[in-house]
Amino acid sequence: MIPQTWVELTDDESIKKMNRLLDLLDADDDVQATYHNWDE
């Protein structure tokens, strides 16, 4: 999956929230894969 548009997070709070969301999704056994358009 390759996104057509990218989103850049510059706010430290937004980056922390995005990382936490990805960690929570990764820890959930029901989630098989996650995709995002965040330009790290």
PDB file of N, CA and C in Angstrom:
ATOM      1  N   MET A   1       0.839  -1.172   0.000  1.00  0.00           N
ATOM      2  CA  MET A   1       0.000   0.000   0.000  1.00  0.00           C
ATOM      3  C   MET A   1       0.890   1.243   0.000  1.00  0.00           C
ATOM      4  N   ILE A   2       0.764   2.026  -1.022  1.00  0.00           N
ATOM      5  CA  ILE A   2       1.531   3.262  -1.123  1.00  0.00           C
ATOM      6  C   ILE A   2       0.544   4.421  -1.165  1.00  0.00           C
ATOM      7  N   PRO A   3       0.648   5.367  -0.194  1.00  0.00           N
ATOM      8  CA  PRO A   3      -0.299   6.483  -0.173  1.00  0.00           C
ATOM      9  C   PRO A   3      -0.060   7.460  -1.322  1.00  0.00           C
ATOM     10  N   GLN A   4      -1.126   8.102  -1.728  1.00  0.00           N
ATOM     11  CA  GLN A   4      -1.039   9.123  -2.766  1.00  0.00           C
ATOM     12  C   GLN A   4      -0.618  10.474  -2.182  1.00  0.00           C
ATOM     13  N   THR A   5      -0.973  10.711  -0.922  1.00  0.00           N
ATOM     14  CA  THR A   5      -0.601  11.951  -0.239  1.00  0.00           C
ATOM     15  C   THR A   5       0.054  11.597   1.088  1.00  0.00           C
ATOM     16  N   TRP A   6       0.963  12.430   1.521  1.00  0.00           N
ATOM     17  CA  TRP A   6       1.673  12.227   2.775  1.00  0.00           C
ATOM     18  C   TRP A   6       1.310  13.342   3.746  1.00  0.00           C
ATOM     19  N   VAL A   7       1.314  13.032   5.035  1.00  0.00           N
ATOM     20  CA  VAL A   7       1.038  13.999   6.087  1.00  0.00           C
ATOM     21  C   VAL A   7       2.286  14.111   6.951  1.00  0.00           C
ATOM     22  N   GLU A   8       2.722  15.327   7.194  1.00  0.00           N
ATOM     23  CA  GLU A   8       3.893  15.541   8.036  1.00  0.00           C
ATOM     24  C   GLU A   8       3.430  16.096   9.383  1.00  0.00           C
ATOM     25  N   LEU A   9       3.802  15.408  10.448  1.00  0.00           N
ATOM     26  CA  LEU A   9       3.467  15.863  11.786  1.00  0.00           C
ATOM     27  C   LEU A   9       4.662  16.631  12.342  1.00  0.00           C
ATOM     28  N   THR A  10       4.429  17.875  12.729  1.00  0.00           N
ATOM     29  CA  THR A  10       5.519  18.686  13.257  1.00  0.00           C
ATOM     30  C   THR A  10       5.353  18.969  14.735  1.00  0.00           C
ATOM     31  N   ASP A  11       4.139  18.875  15.228  1.00  0.00           N
ATOM     32  CA  ASP A  11       3.852  19.129  16.637  1.00  0.00           C
ATOM     33  C   ASP A  11       4.261  17.920  17.467  1.00  0.00           C
ATOM     34  N   ASP A  12       5.041  18.129  18.529  1.00  0.00           N
ATOM     35  CA  ASP A  12       5.503  17.021  19.369  1.00  0.00           C
ATOM     36  C   ASP A  12       4.351  16.232  19.966  1.00  0.00           C
ATOM     37  N   GLU A  13       3.294  16.907  20.356  1.00  0.00           N
ATOM     38  CA  GLU A  13       2.125  16.239  20.941  1.00  0.00           C
ATOM     39  C   GLU A  13       1.460  15.319  19.912  1.00  0.00           C
ATOM     40  N   SER A  14       1.358  15.759  18.677  1.00  0.00           N
ATOM     41  CA  SER A  14       0.753  14.942  17.622  1.00  0.00           C
ATOM     42  C   SER A  14       1.610  13.713  17.323  1.00  0.00           C
ATOM     43  N   ILE A  15       2.908  13.883  17.344  1.00  0.00           N
ATOM     44  CA  ILE A  15       3.816  12.762  17.099  1.00  0.00           C
ATOM     45  C   ILE A  15       3.691  11.732  18.219  1.00  0.00           C
ATOM     46  N   LYS A  16       3.613  12.191  19.457  1.00  0.00           N
ATOM     47  CA  LYS A  16       3.445  11.278  20.592  1.00  0.00           C
ATOM     48  C   LYS A  16       2.131  10.510  20.483  1.00  0.00           C
ATOM     49  N   LYS A  17       1.059  11.203  20.104  1.00  0.00           N
ATOM     50  CA  LYS A  17      -0.246  10.555  19.971  1.00  0.00           C
ATOM     51  C   LYS A  17      -0.231   9.518  18.844  1.00  0.00           C
ATOM     52  N   MET A  18       0.407   9.850  17.737  1.00  0.00           N
ATOM     53  CA  MET A  18       0.478   8.925  16.607  1.00  0.00           C
ATOM     54  C   MET A  18       1.287   7.689  16.985  1.00  0.00           C
ATOM     55  N   ASN A  19       2.400   7.877  17.653  1.00  0.00           N
ATOM     56  CA  ASN A  19       3.211   6.745  18.092  1.00  0.00           C
ATOM     57  C   ASN A  19       2.446   5.867  19.074  1.00  0.00           C
ATOM     58  N   ARG A  20       1.705   6.493  19.978  1.00  0.00           N
ATOM     59  CA  ARG A  20       0.919   5.730  20.956  1.00  0.00           C
ATOM     60  C   ARG A  20      -0.177   4.941  20.255  1.00  0.00           C
ATOM     61  N   LEU A  21      -0.843   5.553  19.292  1.00  0.00           N
ATOM     62  CA  LEU A  21      -1.884   4.858  18.544  1.00  0.00           C
ATOM     63  C   LEU A  21      -1.305   3.650  17.805  1.00  0.00           C
ATOM     64  N   LEU A  22      -0.179   3.826  17.150  1.00  0.00           N
ATOM     65  CA  LEU A  22       0.444   2.717  16.427  1.00  0.00           C
ATOM     66  C   LEU A  22       0.878   1.606  17.379  1.00  0.00           C
ATOM     67  N   ASP A  23       1.386   1.967  18.557  1.00  0.00           N
ATOM     68  CA  ASP A  23       1.772   0.971  19.561  1.00  0.00           C
ATOM     69  C   ASP A  23       0.561   0.195  20.061  1.00  0.00           C
ATOM     70  N   LEU A  24      -0.543   0.904  20.318  1.00  0.00           N
ATOM     71  CA  LEU A  24      -1.758   0.238  20.788  1.00  0.00           C
ATOM     72  C   LEU A  24      -2.328  -0.701  19.727  1.00  0.00           C
ATOM     73  N   LEU A  25      -2.316  -0.278  18.487  1.00  0.00           N
ATOM     74  CA  LEU A  25      -2.807  -1.139  17.409  1.00  0.00           C
ATOM     75  C   LEU A  25      -1.902  -2.358  17.239  1.00  0.00           C
ATOM     76  N   ASP A  26      -0.602  -2.171  17.385  1.00  0.00           N
ATOM     77  CA  ASP A  26       0.344  -3.271  17.260  1.00  0.00           C
ATOM     78  C   ASP A  26       0.162  -4.292  18.385  1.00  0.00           C
ATOM     79  N   ALA A  27      -0.210  -3.833  19.559  1.00  0.00           N
ATOM     80  CA  ALA A  27      -0.387  -4.717  20.711  1.00  0.00           C
ATOM     81  C   ALA A  27      -1.702  -5.493  20.649  1.00  0.00           C
ATOM     82  N   ASP A  28      -2.661  -5.034  19.859  1.00  0.00           N
ATOM     83  CA  ASP A  28      -3.960  -5.696  19.758  1.00  0.00           C
ATOM     84  C   ASP A  28      -3.847  -6.924  18.849  1.00  0.00           C
ATOM     85  N   ASP A  29      -4.215  -8.082  19.380  1.00  0.00           N
ATOM     86  CA  ASP A  29      -4.106  -9.328  18.616  1.00  0.00           C
ATOM     87  C   ASP A  29      -5.073  -9.391  17.437  1.00  0.00           C
ATOM     88  N   ASP A  30      -6.163  -8.637  17.488  1.00  0.00           N
ATOM     89  CA  ASP A  30      -7.149  -8.667  16.411  1.00  0.00           C
ATOM     90  C   ASP A  30      -6.714  -7.856  15.190  1.00  0.00           C
ATOM     91  N   VAL A  31      -5.734  -6.980  15.343  1.00  0.00           N
ATOM     92  CA  VAL A  31      -5.262  -6.145  14.241  1.00  0.00           C
ATOM     93  C   VAL A  31      -4.164  -6.903  13.497  1.00  0.00           C
ATOM     94  N   GLN A  32      -4.381  -7.114  12.206  1.00  0.00           N
ATOM     95  CA  GLN A  32      -3.423  -7.876  11.412  1.00  0.00           C
ATOM     96  C   GLN A  32      -2.353  -6.987  10.787  1.00  0.00           C
ATOM     97  N   ALA A  33      -2.726  -5.782  10.366  1.00  0.00           N
ATOM     98  CA  ALA A  33      -1.768  -4.876   9.727  1.00  0.00           C
ATOM     99  C   ALA A  33      -2.266  -3.449   9.886  1.00  0.00           C
ATOM    100  N   THR A  34      -1.344  -2.518   9.916  1.00  0.00           N
ATOM    101  CA  THR A  34      -1.710  -1.104   9.961  1.00  0.00           C
ATOM    102  C   THR A  34      -0.975  -0.380   8.844  1.00  0.00           C
ATOM    103  N   TYR A  35      -1.633   0.600   8.270  1.00  0.00           N
ATOM    104  CA  TYR A  35      -1.064   1.438   7.225  1.00  0.00           C
ATOM    105  C   TYR A  35      -1.316   2.887   7.574  1.00  0.00           C
ATOM    106  N   HIS A  36      -0.406   3.756   7.238  1.00  0.00           N
ATOM    107  CA  HIS A  36      -0.598   5.171   7.501  1.00  0.00           C
ATOM    108  C   HIS A  36       0.126   5.983   6.432  1.00  0.00           C
ATOM    109  N   ASN A  37      -0.218   7.244   6.350  1.00  0.00           N
ATOM    110  CA  ASN A  37       0.416   8.131   5.379  1.00  0.00           C
ATOM    111  C   ASN A  37       1.237   9.217   6.097  1.00  0.00           C
ATOM    112  N   TRP A  38       1.730   8.868   7.260  1.00  0.00           N
ATOM    113  CA  TRP A  38       2.534   9.780   8.063  1.00  0.00           C
ATOM    114  C   TRP A  38       3.962   9.745   7.552  1.00  0.00           C
ATOM    115  N   ASP A  39       4.472  10.879   7.175  1.00  0.00           N
ATOM    116  CA  ASP A  39       5.845  11.004   6.702  1.00  0.00           C
ATOM    117  C   ASP A  39       6.749  11.192   7.915  1.00  0.00           C
ATOM    118  N   GLU A  40       7.377  10.104   8.362  1.00  0.00           N
ATOM    119  CA  GLU A  40       8.186  10.136   9.566  1.00  0.00           C
ATOM    120  C   GLU A  40       9.412  10.907   9.304  1.00  0.00           C
TER     121      GLU A  40
END
